[in-house]
Full PDB file with SEQRES, HELIX, SHEET, SSBOND, CRYST1, ORIGX, SCALE, CONECT and MASTER records, all heavy atoms in Angstrom:
SEQRES   1 A   29  LEU SER ASP ALA PRO LEU ALA THR PHE LEU GLU GLU HIS          
SEQRES   2 A   29  PRO LYS VAL ARG LYS ILE SER PHE CYS LEU ASP ASN ASP          
SEQRES   3 A   29  GLU PRO GLY                                                  
HELIX    1 AA1 ALA A    4  GLU A   12  1                                   9    
CRYST1    1.000    1.000    1.000  90.00  90.00  90.00 P 1           1          
ORIGX1      1.000000  0.000000  0.000000        0.00000                         
ORIGX2      0.000000  1.000000  0.000000        0.00000                         
ORIGX3      0.000000  0.000000  1.000000        0.00000                         
SCALE1      1.000000  0.000000  0.000000        0.00000                         
SCALE2      0.000000  1.000000  0.000000        0.00000                         
SCALE3      0.000000  0.000000  1.000000        0.00000                         
ATOM      1  N   LEU A   1     102.293  38.780  94.606  1.00  0.00           N  
ATOM      2  CA  LEU A   1     102.336  40.248  94.476  1.00  0.00           C  
ATOM      3  C   LEU A   1     102.566  40.683  93.055  1.00  0.00           C  
ATOM      4  O   LEU A   1     102.804  41.864  92.789  1.00  0.00           O  
ATOM      5  CB  LEU A   1     103.436  40.798  95.408  1.00  0.00           C  
ATOM      6  CG  LEU A   1     103.139  40.695  96.929  1.00  0.00           C  
ATOM      7  CD1 LEU A   1     104.303  41.173  97.744  1.00  0.00           C  
ATOM      8  CD2 LEU A   1     101.874  41.467  97.268  1.00  0.00           C  
ATOM      9  N   SER A   2     102.494  39.751  92.110  1.00  0.00           N  
ATOM     10  CA  SER A   2     102.546  40.098  90.679  1.00  0.00           C  
ATOM     11  C   SER A   2     101.178  40.580  90.250  1.00  0.00           C  
ATOM     12  O   SER A   2     100.149  40.074  90.714  1.00  0.00           O  
ATOM     13  CB  SER A   2     102.966  38.864  89.872  1.00  0.00           C  
ATOM     14  OG  SER A   2     102.656  39.051  88.510  1.00  0.00           O  
ATOM     15  N   ASP A   3     101.168  41.521  89.317  1.00  0.00           N  
ATOM     16  CA  ASP A   3      99.867  42.043  88.832  1.00  0.00           C  
ATOM     17  C   ASP A   3      99.407  41.395  87.563  1.00  0.00           C  
ATOM     18  O   ASP A   3      98.460  41.879  86.921  1.00  0.00           O  
ATOM     19  CB  ASP A   3      99.961  43.570  88.631  1.00  0.00           C  
ATOM     20  CG  ASP A   3     100.914  43.952  87.476  1.00  0.00           C  
ATOM     21  OD1 ASP A   3     101.806  43.133  87.171  1.00  0.00           O  
ATOM     22  OD2 ASP A   3     100.710  45.014  86.892  1.00  0.00           O  
ATOM     23  N   ALA A   4     100.006  40.260  87.160  1.00  0.00           N  
ATOM     24  CA  ALA A   4      99.580  39.588  85.926  1.00  0.00           C  
ATOM     25  C   ALA A   4      98.085  39.232  85.951  1.00  0.00           C  
ATOM     26  O   ALA A   4      97.387  39.507  84.979  1.00  0.00           O  
ATOM     27  CB  ALA A   4     100.413  38.343  85.671  1.00  0.00           C  
ATOM     28  N   PRO A   5      97.539  38.693  87.044  1.00  0.00           N  
ATOM     29  CA  PRO A   5      96.088  38.423  87.049  1.00  0.00           C  
ATOM     30  C   PRO A   5      95.250  39.698  86.955  1.00  0.00           C  
ATOM     31  O   PRO A   5      94.179  39.690  86.331  1.00  0.00           O  
ATOM     32  CB  PRO A   5      95.870  37.710  88.413  1.00  0.00           C  
ATOM     33  CG  PRO A   5      97.205  37.119  88.729  1.00  0.00           C  
ATOM     34  CD  PRO A   5      98.183  38.149  88.222  1.00  0.00           C  
ATOM     35  N   LEU A   6      95.744  40.789  87.518  1.00  0.00           N  
ATOM     36  CA  LEU A   6      94.994  42.066  87.448  1.00  0.00           C  
ATOM     37  C   LEU A   6      94.994  42.590  86.020  1.00  0.00           C  
ATOM     38  O   LEU A   6      93.951  43.033  85.518  1.00  0.00           O  
ATOM     39  CB  LEU A   6      95.616  43.069  88.390  1.00  0.00           C  
ATOM     40  CG  LEU A   6      95.033  44.515  88.343  1.00  0.00           C  
ATOM     41  CD1 LEU A   6      93.533  44.464  88.640  1.00  0.00           C  
ATOM     42  CD2 LEU A   6      95.780  45.429  89.322  1.00  0.00           C  
ATOM     43  N   ALA A   7      96.137  42.519  85.342  1.00  0.00           N  
ATOM     44  CA  ALA A   7      96.203  42.999  83.953  1.00  0.00           C  
ATOM     45  C   ALA A   7      95.245  42.225  83.097  1.00  0.00           C  
ATOM     46  O   ALA A   7      94.549  42.783  82.217  1.00  0.00           O  
ATOM     47  CB  ALA A   7      97.630  42.847  83.433  1.00  0.00           C  
ATOM     48  N   THR A   8      95.159  40.901  83.295  1.00  0.00           N  
ATOM     49  CA  THR A   8      94.217  40.078  82.526  1.00  0.00           C  
ATOM     50  C   THR A   8      92.770  40.429  82.847  1.00  0.00           C  
ATOM     51  O   THR A   8      91.935  40.536  81.950  1.00  0.00           O  
ATOM     52  CB  THR A   8      94.451  38.600  82.822  1.00  0.00           C  
ATOM     53  OG1 THR A   8      95.817  38.272  82.472  1.00  0.00           O  
ATOM     54  CG2 THR A   8      93.524  37.714  81.993  1.00  0.00           C  
ATOM     55  N   PHE A   9      92.481  40.615  84.143  1.00  0.00           N  
ATOM     56  CA  PHE A   9      91.102  40.948  84.553  1.00  0.00           C  
ATOM     57  C   PHE A   9      90.683  42.282  83.908  1.00  0.00           C  
ATOM     58  O   PHE A   9      89.539  42.394  83.413  1.00  0.00           O  
ATOM     59  CB  PHE A   9      91.044  41.047  86.063  1.00  0.00           C  
ATOM     60  CG  PHE A   9      89.651  41.193  86.624  1.00  0.00           C  
ATOM     61  CD1 PHE A   9      88.902  40.073  86.945  1.00  0.00           C  
ATOM     62  CD2 PHE A   9      89.059  42.436  86.806  1.00  0.00           C  
ATOM     63  CE1 PHE A   9      87.608  40.214  87.412  1.00  0.00           C  
ATOM     64  CE2 PHE A   9      87.774  42.594  87.289  1.00  0.00           C  
ATOM     65  CZ  PHE A   9      87.046  41.460  87.590  1.00  0.00           C  
ATOM     66  N   LEU A  10      91.545  43.238  83.906  1.00  0.00           N  
ATOM     67  CA  LEU A  10      91.201  44.555  83.313  1.00  0.00           C  
ATOM     68  C   LEU A  10      91.019  44.449  81.809  1.00  0.00           C  
ATOM     69  O   LEU A  10      90.164  45.152  81.227  1.00  0.00           O  
ATOM     70  CB  LEU A  10      92.270  45.575  83.673  1.00  0.00           C  
ATOM     71  CG  LEU A  10      92.449  45.923  85.158  1.00  0.00           C  
ATOM     72  CD1 LEU A  10      93.661  46.804  85.369  1.00  0.00           C  
ATOM     73  CD2 LEU A  10      91.184  46.556  85.719  1.00  0.00           C  
ATOM     74  N   GLU A  11      91.826  43.603  81.180  1.00  0.00           N  
ATOM     75  CA  GLU A  11      91.698  43.418  79.751  1.00  0.00           C  
ATOM     76  C   GLU A  11      90.332  42.770  79.404  1.00  0.00           C  
ATOM     77  O   GLU A  11      89.692  43.137  78.423  1.00  0.00           O  
ATOM     78  CB  GLU A  11      92.813  42.521  79.243  1.00  0.00           C  
ATOM     79  CG  GLU A  11      92.795  42.240  77.777  1.00  0.00           C  
ATOM     80  CD  GLU A  11      93.221  43.424  76.924  1.00  0.00           C  
ATOM     81  OE1 GLU A  11      93.735  44.403  77.491  1.00  0.00           O  
ATOM     82  OE2 GLU A  11      93.038  43.350  75.692  1.00  0.00           O  
ATOM     83  N   GLU A  12      89.924  41.828  80.222  1.00  0.00           N  
ATOM     84  CA  GLU A  12      88.650  41.098  79.970  1.00  0.00           C  
ATOM     85  C   GLU A  12      87.424  41.905  80.430  1.00  0.00           C  
ATOM     86  O   GLU A  12      86.331  41.627  79.981  1.00  0.00           O  
ATOM     87  CB  GLU A  12      88.669  39.766  80.699  1.00  0.00           C  
ATOM     88  CG  GLU A  12      89.651  38.763  80.105  1.00  0.00           C  
ATOM     89  CD  GLU A  12      89.489  37.378  80.688  1.00  0.00           C  
ATOM     90  OE1 GLU A  12      88.901  37.220  81.780  1.00  0.00           O  
ATOM     91  OE2 GLU A  12      89.962  36.438  80.028  1.00  0.00           O  
ATOM     92  N   HIS A  13      87.634  42.892  81.324  1.00  0.00           N  
ATOM     93  CA  HIS A  13      86.501  43.672  81.841  1.00  0.00           C  
ATOM     94  C   HIS A  13      86.814  45.162  81.694  1.00  0.00           C  
ATOM     95  O   HIS A  13      87.141  45.863  82.663  1.00  0.00           O  
ATOM     96  CB  HIS A  13      86.276  43.351  83.318  1.00  0.00           C  
ATOM     97  CG  HIS A  13      86.041  41.889  83.593  1.00  0.00           C  
ATOM     98  ND1 HIS A  13      87.045  41.006  83.903  1.00  0.00           N  
ATOM     99  CD2 HIS A  13      84.908  41.149  83.527  1.00  0.00           C  
ATOM    100  CE1 HIS A  13      86.586  39.788  84.091  1.00  0.00           C  
ATOM    101  NE2 HIS A  13      85.277  39.838  83.822  1.00  0.00           N  
ATOM    102  N   PRO A  14      86.754  45.660  80.441  1.00  0.00           N  
ATOM    103  CA  PRO A  14      87.143  47.054  80.174  1.00  0.00           C  
ATOM    104  C   PRO A  14      86.288  48.086  80.886  1.00  0.00           C  
ATOM    105  O   PRO A  14      86.665  49.268  80.937  1.00  0.00           O  
ATOM    106  CB  PRO A  14      87.019  47.158  78.633  1.00  0.00           C  
ATOM    107  CG  PRO A  14      86.094  46.058  78.260  1.00  0.00           C  
ATOM    108  CD  PRO A  14      86.326  44.960  79.236  1.00  0.00           C  
ATOM    109  N   LYS A  15      85.129  47.667  81.390  1.00  0.00           N  
ATOM    110  CA  LYS A  15      84.253  48.646  82.110  1.00  0.00           C  
ATOM    111  C   LYS A  15      84.891  49.085  83.392  1.00  0.00           C  
ATOM    112  O   LYS A  15      84.584  50.162  83.926  1.00  0.00           O  
ATOM    113  CB  LYS A  15      82.906  47.977  82.369  1.00  0.00           C  
ATOM    114  CG  LYS A  15      81.914  48.893  83.068  1.00  0.00           C  
ATOM    115  CD  LYS A  15      80.594  48.183  83.278  1.00  0.00           C  
ATOM    116  CE  LYS A  15      79.562  49.091  84.016  1.00  0.00           C  
ATOM    117  NZ  LYS A  15      78.261  48.434  84.192  1.00  0.00           N  
ATOM    118  N   VAL A  16      85.786  48.267  83.976  1.00  0.00           N  
ATOM    119  CA  VAL A  16      86.389  48.598  85.277  1.00  0.00           C  
ATOM    120  C   VAL A  16      87.339  49.803  85.115  1.00  0.00           C  
ATOM    121  O   VAL A  16      88.228  49.782  84.299  1.00  0.00           O  
ATOM    122  CB  VAL A  16      87.184  47.395  85.839  1.00  0.00           C  
ATOM    123  CG1 VAL A  16      87.945  47.777  87.102  1.00  0.00           C  
ATOM    124  CG2 VAL A  16      86.213  46.253  86.154  1.00  0.00           C  
ATOM    125  N   ARG A  17      87.121  50.845  85.921  1.00  0.00           N  
ATOM    126  CA  ARG A  17      87.961  52.040  85.871  1.00  0.00           C  
ATOM    127  C   ARG A  17      88.550  52.396  87.216  1.00  0.00           C  
ATOM    128  O   ARG A  17      89.360  53.299  87.334  1.00  0.00           O  
ATOM    129  CB  ARG A  17      87.150  53.264  85.355  1.00  0.00           C  
ATOM    130  CG  ARG A  17      86.610  53.125  83.952  1.00  0.00           C  
ATOM    131  CD  ARG A  17      87.633  52.611  82.935  1.00  0.00           C  
ATOM    132  NE  ARG A  17      88.862  53.417  82.942  1.00  0.00           N  
ATOM    133  CZ  ARG A  17      89.961  53.012  82.362  1.00  0.00           C  
ATOM    134  NH1 ARG A  17      90.048  51.834  81.800  1.00  0.00           N  
ATOM    135  NH2 ARG A  17      91.052  53.789  82.393  1.00  0.00           N  
ATOM    136  N   LYS A  18      88.128  51.697  88.290  1.00  0.00           N  
ATOM    137  CA  LYS A  18      88.653  52.003  89.634  1.00  0.00           C  
ATOM    138  C   LYS A  18      89.237  50.684  90.202  1.00  0.00           C  
ATOM    139  O   LYS A  18      88.643  49.642  90.126  1.00  0.00           O  
ATOM    140  CB  LYS A  18      87.601  52.543  90.564  1.00  0.00           C  
ATOM    141  CG  LYS A  18      88.134  52.826  91.965  1.00  0.00           C  
ATOM    142  CD  LYS A  18      87.087  53.415  92.896  1.00  0.00           C  
ATOM    143  CE  LYS A  18      87.674  53.692  94.273  1.00  0.00           C  
ATOM    144  NZ  LYS A  18      86.658  54.244  95.209  1.00  0.00           N  
ATOM    145  N   ILE A  19      90.435  50.812  90.813  1.00  0.00           N  
ATOM    146  CA  ILE A  19      91.093  49.672  91.441  1.00  0.00           C  
ATOM    147  C   ILE A  19      91.392  50.028  92.912  1.00  0.00           C  
ATOM    148  O   ILE A  19      92.049  51.009  93.185  1.00  0.00           O  
ATOM    149  CB  ILE A  19      92.409  49.334  90.729  1.00  0.00           C  
ATOM    150  CG1 ILE A  19      92.209  49.196  89.242  1.00  0.00           C  
ATOM    151  CG2 ILE A  19      92.986  48.075  91.311  1.00  0.00           C  
ATOM    152  CD1 ILE A  19      93.509  49.093  88.428  1.00  0.00           C  
ATOM    153  N   SER A  20      90.875  49.187  93.795  1.00  0.00           N  
ATOM    154  CA  SER A  20      91.148  49.393  95.235  1.00  0.00           C  
ATOM    155  C   SER A  20      92.059  48.266  95.660  1.00  0.00           C  
ATOM    156  O   SER A  20      91.719  47.075  95.572  1.00  0.00           O  
ATOM    157  CB  SER A  20      89.848  49.343  96.043  1.00  0.00           C  
ATOM    158  OG  SER A  20      89.018  50.443  95.697  1.00  0.00           O  
ATOM    159  N   PHE A  21      93.276  48.637  96.101  1.00  0.00           N  
ATOM    160  CA  PHE A  21      94.257  47.647  96.502  1.00  0.00           C  
ATOM    161  C   PHE A  21      94.134  47.333  97.986  1.00  0.00           C  
ATOM    162  O   PHE A  21      94.381  48.190  98.821  1.00  0.00           O  
ATOM    163  CB  PHE A  21      95.661  48.151  96.142  1.00  0.00           C  
ATOM    164  CG  PHE A  21      95.920  48.211  94.681  1.00  0.00           C  
ATOM    165  CD1 PHE A  21      95.800  49.406  93.989  1.00  0.00           C  
ATOM    166  CD2 PHE A  21      96.277  47.070  93.979  1.00  0.00           C  
ATOM    167  CE1 PHE A  21      96.057  49.476  92.617  1.00  0.00           C  
ATOM    168  CE2 PHE A  21      96.510  47.124  92.607  1.00  0.00           C  
ATOM    169  CZ  PHE A  21      96.388  48.326  91.930  1.00  0.00           C  
ATOM    170  N   CYS A  22      93.763  46.098  98.292  1.00  0.00           N  
ATOM    171  CA  CYS A  22      93.525  45.650  99.666  1.00  0.00           C  
ATOM    172  C   CYS A  22      94.665  44.692 100.095  1.00  0.00           C  
ATOM    173  O   CYS A  22      94.390  43.626 100.661  1.00  0.00           O  
ATOM    174  CB  CYS A  22      92.171  44.972  99.794  1.00  0.00           C  
ATOM    175  SG  CYS A  22      90.809  45.937  99.173  1.00  0.00           S  
ATOM    176  N   LEU A  23      95.877  45.066  99.782  1.00  0.00           N  
ATOM    177  CA  LEU A  23      97.010  44.186 100.079  1.00  0.00           C  
ATOM    178  C   LEU A  23      97.402  44.250 101.527  1.00  0.00           C  
ATOM    179  O   LEU A  23      96.938  45.104 102.300  1.00  0.00           O  
ATOM    180  CB  LEU A  23      98.215  44.589  99.204  1.00  0.00           C  
ATOM    181  CG  LEU A  23      97.919  44.696  97.683  1.00  0.00           C  
ATOM    182  CD1 LEU A  23      99.186  44.977  96.894  1.00  0.00           C  
ATOM    183  CD2 LEU A  23      97.259  43.384  97.177  1.00  0.00           C  
ATOM    184  N   ASP A  24      98.271  43.333 101.956  1.00  0.00           N  
ATOM    185  CA  ASP A  24      98.601  43.149 103.361  1.00  0.00           C  
ATOM    186  C   ASP A  24      99.297  44.393 103.942  1.00  0.00           C  
ATOM    187  O   ASP A  24      99.850  45.205 103.238  1.00  0.00           O  
ATOM    188  CB  ASP A  24      99.501  41.945 103.545  1.00  0.00           C  
ATOM    189  CG  ASP A  24      98.774  40.641 103.272  1.00  0.00           C  
ATOM    190  OD1 ASP A  24      97.593  40.648 102.989  1.00  0.00           O  
ATOM    191  OD2 ASP A  24      99.429  39.564 103.398  1.00  0.00           O  
ATOM    192  N   ASN A  25      99.271  44.451 105.269  1.00  0.00           N  
ATOM    193  CA  ASN A  25      99.882  45.546 106.017  1.00  0.00           C  
ATOM    194  C   ASN A  25     101.349  45.318 106.321  1.00  0.00           C  
ATOM    195  O   ASN A  25     101.947  46.113 107.043  1.00  0.00           O  
ATOM    196  CB  ASN A  25      99.137  45.786 107.315  1.00  0.00           C  
ATOM    197  CG  ASN A  25      98.229  46.993 107.227  1.00  0.00           C  
ATOM    198  OD1 ASN A  25      98.464  47.944 106.468  1.00  0.00           O  
ATOM    199  ND2 ASN A  25      97.173  47.010 108.014  1.00  0.00           N  
ATOM    200  N   ASP A  26     101.934  44.214 105.801  1.00  0.00           N  
ATOM    201  CA  ASP A  26     103.377  43.983 106.033  1.00  0.00           C  
ATOM    202  C   ASP A  26     104.173  44.744 105.022  1.00  0.00           C  
ATOM    203  O   ASP A  26     103.641  45.382 104.101  1.00  0.00           O  
ATOM    204  CB  ASP A  26     103.700  42.481 106.018  1.00  0.00           C  
ATOM    205  CG  ASP A  26     103.280  41.813 104.691  1.00  0.00           C  
ATOM    206  OD1 ASP A  26     102.921  42.563 103.730  1.00  0.00           O  
ATOM    207  OD2 ASP A  26     103.321  40.593 104.663  1.00  0.00           O  
ATOM    208  N   GLU A  27     105.494  44.711 105.162  1.00  0.00           N  
ATOM    209  CA  GLU A  27     106.355  45.515 104.278  1.00  0.00           C  
ATOM    210  C   GLU A  27     106.224  45.161 102.799  1.00  0.00           C  
ATOM    211  O   GLU A  27     106.073  46.059 101.959  1.00  0.00           O  
ATOM    212  CB  GLU A  27     107.844  45.377 104.729  1.00  0.00           C  
ATOM    213  CG  GLU A  27     108.787  46.256 103.904  1.00  0.00           C  
ATOM    214  CD  GLU A  27     110.210  46.168 104.411  1.00  0.00           C  
ATOM    215  OE1 GLU A  27     110.473  45.479 105.419  1.00  0.00           O  
ATOM    216  OE2 GLU A  27     111.097  46.761 103.770  1.00  0.00           O  
ATOM    217  N   PRO A  28     106.257  43.833 102.418  1.00  0.00           N  
ATOM    218  CA  PRO A  28     106.067  43.540 101.021  1.00  0.00           C  
ATOM    219  C   PRO A  28     104.725  44.016 100.435  1.00  0.00           C  
ATOM    220  O   PRO A  28     104.659  44.546  99.332  1.00  0.00           O  
ATOM    221  CB  PRO A  28     106.187  42.019 100.963  1.00  0.00           C  
ATOM    222  CG  PRO A  28     106.967  41.652 102.187  1.00  0.00           C  
ATOM    223  CD  PRO A  28     106.541  42.641 103.215  1.00  0.00           C  
ATOM    224  N   GLY A  29     103.678  43.874 101.254  1.00  0.00           N  
ATOM    225  CA  GLY A  29     102.355  44.305 100.797  1.00  0.00           C  
ATOM    226  C   GLY A  29     102.282  45.798 100.608  1.00  0.00           C  
ATOM    227  O   GLY A  29     101.682  46.291  99.632  1.00  0.00           O  
TER     228      GLY A  29                                                      
MASTER        0    0    0    1    0    0    0    6  227    1    0    3          
END                                                                             
């Protein structure tokens, strides 16, 4: 549930401007 991979992905792909979060339906998600 850390966003470190997301931060890296956005840094490497600056064209991306929309993020859709498809995380789990449990409480942590």
